[in-house]
Each structure stands twice: as structure tokens, then as C-alpha cells.
Amino acid sequence: MKKIILSFVIISSLLAGCATVQSIIKSTFPYTSSLIIPASSKINTTLSATSSASSFDQIFGNQNGTNYIKEVRIASVRLDASNPTNQNLGVFKSVKIFLVNGAGAEVMVASRNDVSENIGNNLVLDIDNSRFVDEYVKGNNLRVRMEYTLRSSLSSDVSVRAAINFNSTPNTN
């Protein structure tokens, strides 16, 4: 009886340990980008802003971090007003976020067409995680392009921080 209980405890521990390791390895990692919306932007017109994106690995010098992942998908995309920090993002009528790789290829990863007028200073977008975006994240020149339509005019330039979170699985090759 003791052997059965001991075996059960060992097997349970191994399964729990494997699940923990898998959840650590299959992780979410962010890229951020600061986009400037000029005060001169026209309302009811589709406009665009582009900026480079950086990850935690790039900031701390780990240039090979993307070699250890594969099957990268979008997990979430959030916009935050960063200057002024209290800017209501309800000035946007619609927003689309694109990833652009070093070769200029781009893919839309998130959008919102029905932005509420009183949304506040942050906005969570609807993601499109129907495809892998490895070829964008694994490059060395990832940029974020935001396509937007303003509902109302701006009194000054507005900085918006785009935080794009990715899910991945480990690359065991």
C-alpha cells in the first residue's frame, strides 16, 4: 500500500512539474513602440504613424532570444496615452495595428473600429491571432505601424505607447 501511495505522489509531482516547466517555456513576451500622432492630423481621414518596436531582450542585449521560440502568435495589443498621460483615446474613431519587418512586409495584428468617445487613456484592441508572425518577430528591424482615423482634432501632438504581447512555443531544434 505504501508503494502505491509513494508511486502516486511521485507521478503527481512529475506531472505538476512538467506542466510548470511547460508554462514557463511557453511564455508571453512583449514588444513596445511609441507612436506620435501630430496635432495637425485631419479628422475623418485615414492616417498612419510608424515607429520601431523593441523587446525586453533587445533592451538588455540578448539578440539571440528569438532563436529559442517558434509558432509566435499575437496574445494581446494595448494602446496607452503616454504624453499627455491623461489623453482620452476616444479621439480615435478607429485604429489598426500592423507589424512591419525589415523587408517592408506587413501584417495587421489588431484593430478596433468602434472606439467609444469616453474610453479613457488606454485601449485594448481586438487581435487577429489566426496566423504565426515568426517572420516579423525574428527579424532585427521590427516596426509597428498604426493606421487611425480621428474623431476630433487634437490640441497638441499625442504620444501613444503600443504594447504588443506574443505567445510562443519553445524551439527544440
C-alpha atoms as a PDB file:
ATOM      1  CA  MET A   1       0.000   0.000   0.000  1.00  0.00           C
ATOM      2  CA  LYS A   2       2.876   2.356   0.820  1.00  0.00           C
ATOM      3  CA  LYS A   3       4.423   1.666  -2.603  1.00  0.00           C
ATOM      4  CA  ILE A   4       1.184   2.599  -4.362  1.00  0.00           C
ATOM      5  CA  ILE A   5       0.854   5.856  -2.415  1.00  0.00           C
ATOM      6  CA  LEU A   6       4.530   6.685  -2.938  1.00  0.00           C
ATOM      7  CA  SER A   7       4.212   5.947  -6.678  1.00  0.00           C
ATOM      8  CA  PHE A   8       1.128   8.149  -6.894  1.00  0.00           C
ATOM      9  CA  VAL A   9       2.908  11.040  -5.145  1.00  0.00           C
ATOM     10  CA  ILE A  10       5.945  10.753  -7.444  1.00  0.00           C
ATOM     11  CA  ILE A  11       3.838  10.608 -10.614  1.00  0.00           C
ATOM     12  CA  SER A  12       1.720  13.554  -9.445  1.00  0.00           C
ATOM     13  CA  SER A  13       4.834  15.596  -8.705  1.00  0.00           C
ATOM     14  CA  LEU A  14       6.334  14.828 -12.116  1.00  0.00           C
ATOM     15  CA  LEU A  15       3.153  15.791 -13.944  1.00  0.00           C
ATOM     16  CA  ALA A  16       2.815  19.018 -11.973  1.00  0.00           C
ATOM     17  CA  GLY A  17       6.492  19.797 -12.572  1.00  0.00           C
ATOM     18  CA  CYS A  18       6.192  19.203 -16.316  1.00  0.00           C
ATOM     19  CA  ALA A  19       3.165  21.485 -16.517  1.00  0.00           C
ATOM     20  CA  THR A  20       5.037  24.213 -14.627  1.00  0.00           C
ATOM     21  CA  VAL A  21       8.094  23.948 -16.877  1.00  0.00           C
ATOM     22  CA  GLN A  22       5.917  23.976 -19.979  1.00  0.00           C
ATOM     23  CA  SER A  23       4.076  27.082 -18.809  1.00  0.00           C
ATOM     24  CA  ILE A  24       7.401  28.851 -18.184  1.00  0.00           C
ATOM     25  CA  ILE A  25       8.835  27.868 -21.564  1.00  0.00           C
ATOM     26  CA  LYS A  26       5.639  28.599 -23.486  1.00  0.00           C
ATOM     27  CA  SER A  27       5.593  32.213 -22.498  1.00  0.00           C
ATOM     28  CA  THR A  28       4.268  35.609 -23.385  1.00  0.00           C
ATOM     29  CA  PHE A  29       6.741  38.328 -24.276  1.00  0.00           C
ATOM     30  CA  PRO A  30       6.096  41.989 -25.108  1.00  0.00           C
ATOM     31  CA  TYR A  31       7.270  44.438 -27.721  1.00  0.00           C
ATOM     32  CA  THR A  32       6.611  48.144 -27.232  1.00  0.00           C
ATOM     33  CA  SER A  33       6.566  51.092 -29.564  1.00  0.00           C
ATOM     34  CA  SER A  34       5.881  54.819 -29.130  1.00  0.00           C
ATOM     35  CA  LEU A  35       3.834  56.380 -31.901  1.00  0.00           C
ATOM     36  CA  ILE A  36       3.363  60.142 -32.372  1.00  0.00           C
ATOM     37  CA  ILE A  37       0.012  61.490 -33.569  1.00  0.00           C
ATOM     38  CA  PRO A  38       0.590  65.065 -34.828  1.00  0.00           C
ATOM     39  CA  ALA A  39      -1.807  67.815 -33.785  1.00  0.00           C
ATOM     40  CA  SER A  40      -2.108  68.666 -37.492  1.00  0.00           C
ATOM     41  CA  SER A  41      -3.809  65.299 -38.226  1.00  0.00           C
ATOM     42  CA  LYS A  42      -7.095  65.741 -40.071  1.00  0.00           C
ATOM     43  CA  ILE A  43     -10.304  64.285 -38.675  1.00  0.00           C
ATOM     44  CA  ASN A  44     -12.337  61.662 -40.592  1.00  0.00           C
ATOM     45  CA  THR A  45      -9.277  60.777 -42.690  1.00  0.00           C
ATOM     46  CA  THR A  46      -7.291  57.540 -42.521  1.00  0.00           C
ATOM     47  CA  LEU A  47      -3.743  58.400 -41.453  1.00  0.00           C
ATOM     48  CA  SER A  48      -0.680  56.416 -40.426  1.00  0.00           C
ATOM     49  CA  ALA A  49       2.156  56.579 -37.876  1.00  0.00           C
ATOM     50  CA  THR A  50       5.160  54.222 -37.773  1.00  0.00           C
ATOM     51  CA  SER A  51       7.819  53.598 -35.147  1.00  0.00           C
ATOM     52  CA  SER A  52      10.398  50.944 -34.322  1.00  0.00           C
ATOM     53  CA  ALA A  53       9.500  48.310 -31.735  1.00  0.00           C
ATOM     54  CA  SER A  54      11.748  46.948 -29.011  1.00  0.00           C
ATOM     55  CA  SER A  55      11.582  43.927 -26.745  1.00  0.00           C
ATOM     56  CA  PHE A  56      12.953  43.170 -23.308  1.00  0.00           C
ATOM     57  CA  ASP A  57      15.663  41.003 -24.922  1.00  0.00           C
ATOM     58  CA  GLN A  58      16.820  43.812 -27.198  1.00  0.00           C
ATOM     59  CA  ILE A  59      16.947  46.349 -24.376  1.00  0.00           C
ATOM     60  CA  PHE A  60      19.187  44.066 -22.300  1.00  0.00           C
ATOM     61  CA  GLY A  61      21.357  42.904 -25.213  1.00  0.00           C
ATOM     62  CA  ASN A  62      20.031  39.369 -25.795  1.00  0.00           C
ATOM     63  CA  GLN A  63      19.966  39.480 -29.597  1.00  0.00           C
ATOM     64  CA  ASN A  64      19.510  35.700 -29.969  1.00  0.00           C
ATOM     65  CA  GLY A  65      16.415  35.335 -27.764  1.00  0.00           C
ATOM     66  CA  THR A  66      14.117  34.730 -30.726  1.00  0.00           C
ATOM     67  CA  ASN A  67      16.179  31.686 -31.811  1.00  0.00           C
ATOM     68  CA  TYR A  68      14.633  29.739 -28.940  1.00  0.00           C
ATOM     69  CA  ILE A  69      10.994  30.242 -29.915  1.00  0.00           C
ATOM     70  CA  LYS A  70       8.651  29.261 -32.738  1.00  0.00           C
ATOM     71  CA  GLU A  71       4.956  29.418 -33.578  1.00  0.00           C
ATOM     72  CA  VAL A  72       4.666  33.010 -32.434  1.00  0.00           C
ATOM     73  CA  ARG A  73       1.125  34.422 -32.268  1.00  0.00           C
ATOM     74  CA  ILE A  74      -0.410  37.647 -31.028  1.00  0.00           C
ATOM     75  CA  ALA A  75      -1.656  37.418 -27.421  1.00  0.00           C
ATOM     76  CA  SER A  76      -2.840  40.998 -26.853  1.00  0.00           C
ATOM     77  CA  VAL A  77      -2.433  44.568 -28.059  1.00  0.00           C
ATOM     78  CA  ARG A  78      -2.975  47.602 -25.877  1.00  0.00           C
ATOM     79  CA  LEU A  79      -2.599  51.322 -26.533  1.00  0.00           C
ATOM     80  CA  ASP A  80      -1.798  53.748 -23.712  1.00  0.00           C
ATOM     81  CA  ALA A  81      -1.626  57.522 -23.894  1.00  0.00           C
ATOM     82  CA  SER A  82       1.897  58.418 -22.797  1.00  0.00           C
ATOM     83  CA  ASN A  83       2.055  62.169 -23.480  1.00  0.00           C
ATOM     84  CA  PRO A  84      -0.160  63.627 -22.224  1.00  0.00           C
ATOM     85  CA  THR A  85      -0.888  60.665 -19.943  1.00  0.00           C
ATOM     86  CA  ASN A  86      -4.486  61.745 -19.387  1.00  0.00           C
ATOM     87  CA  GLN A  87      -5.292  61.963 -23.120  1.00  0.00           C
ATOM     88  CA  ASN A  88      -8.650  60.327 -23.866  1.00  0.00           C
ATOM     89  CA  LEU A  89      -8.113  57.802 -26.675  1.00  0.00           C
ATOM     90  CA  GLY A  90     -11.745  58.369 -27.635  1.00  0.00           C
ATOM     91  CA  VAL A  91     -10.341  60.895 -30.124  1.00  0.00           C
ATOM     92  CA  PHE A  92      -9.814  57.841 -32.346  1.00  0.00           C
ATOM     93  CA  LYS A  93     -12.746  56.603 -34.376  1.00  0.00           C
ATOM     94  CA  SER A  94     -10.838  53.517 -35.489  1.00  0.00           C
ATOM     95  CA  VAL A  95      -7.354  52.040 -35.060  1.00  0.00           C
ATOM     96  CA  LYS A  96      -5.435  49.251 -36.818  1.00  0.00           C
ATOM     97  CA  ILE A  97      -2.015  47.943 -35.767  1.00  0.00           C
ATOM     98  CA  PHE A  98       0.385  46.358 -38.260  1.00  0.00           C
ATOM     99  CA  LEU A  99       3.741  44.629 -37.759  1.00  0.00           C
ATOM    100  CA  VAL A 100       6.335  45.558 -40.377  1.00  0.00           C
ATOM    101  CA  ASN A 101       9.505  43.511 -40.847  1.00  0.00           C
ATOM    102  CA  GLY A 102      12.889  44.672 -42.163  1.00  0.00           C
ATOM    103  CA  ALA A 103      11.939  43.793 -45.755  1.00  0.00           C
ATOM    104  CA  GLY A 104       8.832  46.019 -45.592  1.00  0.00           C
ATOM    105  CA  ALA A 105       6.272  43.209 -45.462  1.00  0.00           C
ATOM    106  CA  GLU A 106       3.438  43.915 -43.071  1.00  0.00           C
ATOM    107  CA  VAL A 107       0.569  42.117 -41.401  1.00  0.00           C
ATOM    108  CA  MET A 108      -2.399  43.516 -39.492  1.00  0.00           C
ATOM    109  CA  VAL A 109      -2.428  42.096 -35.954  1.00  0.00           C
ATOM    110  CA  ALA A 110      -5.110  44.122 -34.160  1.00  0.00           C
ATOM    111  CA  SER A 111      -7.863  46.635 -34.752  1.00  0.00           C
ATOM    112  CA  ARG A 112     -10.818  48.430 -33.222  1.00  0.00           C
ATOM    113  CA  ASN A 113     -13.473  50.064 -35.374  1.00  0.00           C
ATOM    114  CA  ASP A 114     -15.886  51.152 -32.672  1.00  0.00           C
ATOM    115  CA  VAL A 115     -13.791  53.169 -30.222  1.00  0.00           C
ATOM    116  CA  SER A 116     -16.026  54.740 -27.577  1.00  0.00           C
ATOM    117  CA  GLU A 117     -15.806  58.514 -27.207  1.00  0.00           C
ATOM    118  CA  ASN A 118     -15.091  58.223 -23.467  1.00  0.00           C
ATOM    119  CA  ILE A 119     -12.747  55.198 -23.470  1.00  0.00           C
ATOM    120  CA  GLY A 120     -10.096  56.850 -21.269  1.00  0.00           C
ATOM    121  CA  ASN A 121      -6.330  56.828 -21.612  1.00  0.00           C
ATOM    122  CA  ASN A 122      -5.914  53.150 -22.589  1.00  0.00           C
ATOM    123  CA  LEU A 123      -7.489  50.976 -25.231  1.00  0.00           C
ATOM    124  CA  VAL A 124      -7.389  47.196 -25.674  1.00  0.00           C
ATOM    125  CA  LEU A 125      -7.654  46.178 -29.331  1.00  0.00           C
ATOM    126  CA  ASP A 126      -9.247  43.128 -30.918  1.00  0.00           C
ATOM    127  CA  ILE A 127      -6.426  40.814 -32.002  1.00  0.00           C
ATOM    128  CA  ASP A 128      -6.043  38.627 -35.061  1.00  0.00           C
ATOM    129  CA  ASN A 129      -4.097  35.549 -33.932  1.00  0.00           C
ATOM    130  CA  SER A 130      -5.091  33.379 -36.884  1.00  0.00           C
ATOM    131  CA  ARG A 131      -1.521  33.243 -38.215  1.00  0.00           C
ATOM    132  CA  PHE A 132       2.016  32.865 -36.976  1.00  0.00           C
ATOM    133  CA  VAL A 133       4.129  36.026 -37.007  1.00  0.00           C
ATOM    134  CA  ASP A 134       7.570  34.403 -36.607  1.00  0.00           C
ATOM    135  CA  GLU A 135       8.976  36.094 -39.728  1.00  0.00           C
ATOM    136  CA  TYR A 136       8.224  39.500 -38.210  1.00  0.00           C
ATOM    137  CA  VAL A 137       9.387  38.938 -34.624  1.00  0.00           C
ATOM    138  CA  LYS A 138      12.554  37.043 -35.572  1.00  0.00           C
ATOM    139  CA  GLY A 139      13.860  39.870 -37.737  1.00  0.00           C
ATOM    140  CA  ASN A 140      16.126  42.562 -36.384  1.00  0.00           C
ATOM    141  CA  ASN A 141      14.131  45.578 -37.526  1.00  0.00           C
ATOM    142  CA  LEU A 142      10.557  45.175 -36.275  1.00  0.00           C
ATOM    143  CA  ARG A 143       8.387  48.238 -36.679  1.00  0.00           C
ATOM    144  CA  VAL A 144       4.812  48.982 -35.688  1.00  0.00           C
ATOM    145  CA  ARG A 145       2.505  50.909 -37.999  1.00  0.00           C
ATOM    146  CA  MET A 146      -0.726  52.342 -36.677  1.00  0.00           C
ATOM    147  CA  GLU A 147      -3.448  53.290 -39.110  1.00  0.00           C
ATOM    148  CA  TYR A 148      -6.019  55.552 -37.477  1.00  0.00           C
ATOM    149  CA  THR A 149      -8.990  57.811 -38.075  1.00  0.00           C
ATOM    150  CA  LEU A 150      -9.542  60.707 -35.686  1.00  0.00           C
ATOM    151  CA  ARG A 151     -12.998  61.589 -34.404  1.00  0.00           C
ATOM    152  CA  SER A 152     -11.959  65.046 -33.186  1.00  0.00           C
ATOM    153  CA  SER A 153      -8.980  67.335 -33.601  1.00  0.00           C
ATOM    154  CA  LEU A 154      -6.016  67.405 -31.238  1.00  0.00           C
ATOM    155  CA  SER A 155      -4.752  70.497 -29.415  1.00  0.00           C
ATOM    156  CA  SER A 156      -1.168  69.133 -29.289  1.00  0.00           C
ATOM    157  CA  ASP A 157       0.864  66.176 -30.514  1.00  0.00           C
ATOM    158  CA  VAL A 158      -0.095  62.960 -28.716  1.00  0.00           C
ATOM    159  CA  SER A 159       2.280  60.068 -27.946  1.00  0.00           C
ATOM    160  CA  VAL A 160       0.697  56.628 -27.815  1.00  0.00           C
ATOM    161  CA  ARG A 161       2.538  53.590 -26.463  1.00  0.00           C
ATOM    162  CA  ALA A 162       1.615  50.344 -28.223  1.00  0.00           C
ATOM    163  CA  ALA A 163       2.270  47.189 -26.174  1.00  0.00           C
ATOM    164  CA  ILE A 164       2.077  44.016 -28.256  1.00  0.00           C
ATOM    165  CA  ASN A 165       2.270  40.709 -26.402  1.00  0.00           C
ATOM    166  CA  PHE A 166       3.154  37.478 -28.199  1.00  0.00           C
ATOM    167  CA  ASN A 167       2.705  33.817 -27.258  1.00  0.00           C
ATOM    168  CA  SER A 168       5.257  31.279 -28.420  1.00  0.00           C
ATOM    169  CA  THR A 169       6.344  27.694 -28.032  1.00  0.00           C
ATOM    170  CA  PRO A 170       9.953  26.600 -27.481  1.00  0.00           C
ATOM    171  CA  ASN A 171      12.126  25.833 -30.475  1.00  0.00           C
ATOM    172  CA  THR A 172      13.718  22.494 -29.635  1.00  0.00           C
ATOM    173  CA  ASN A 173      15.897  22.289 -32.772  1.00  0.00           C
END
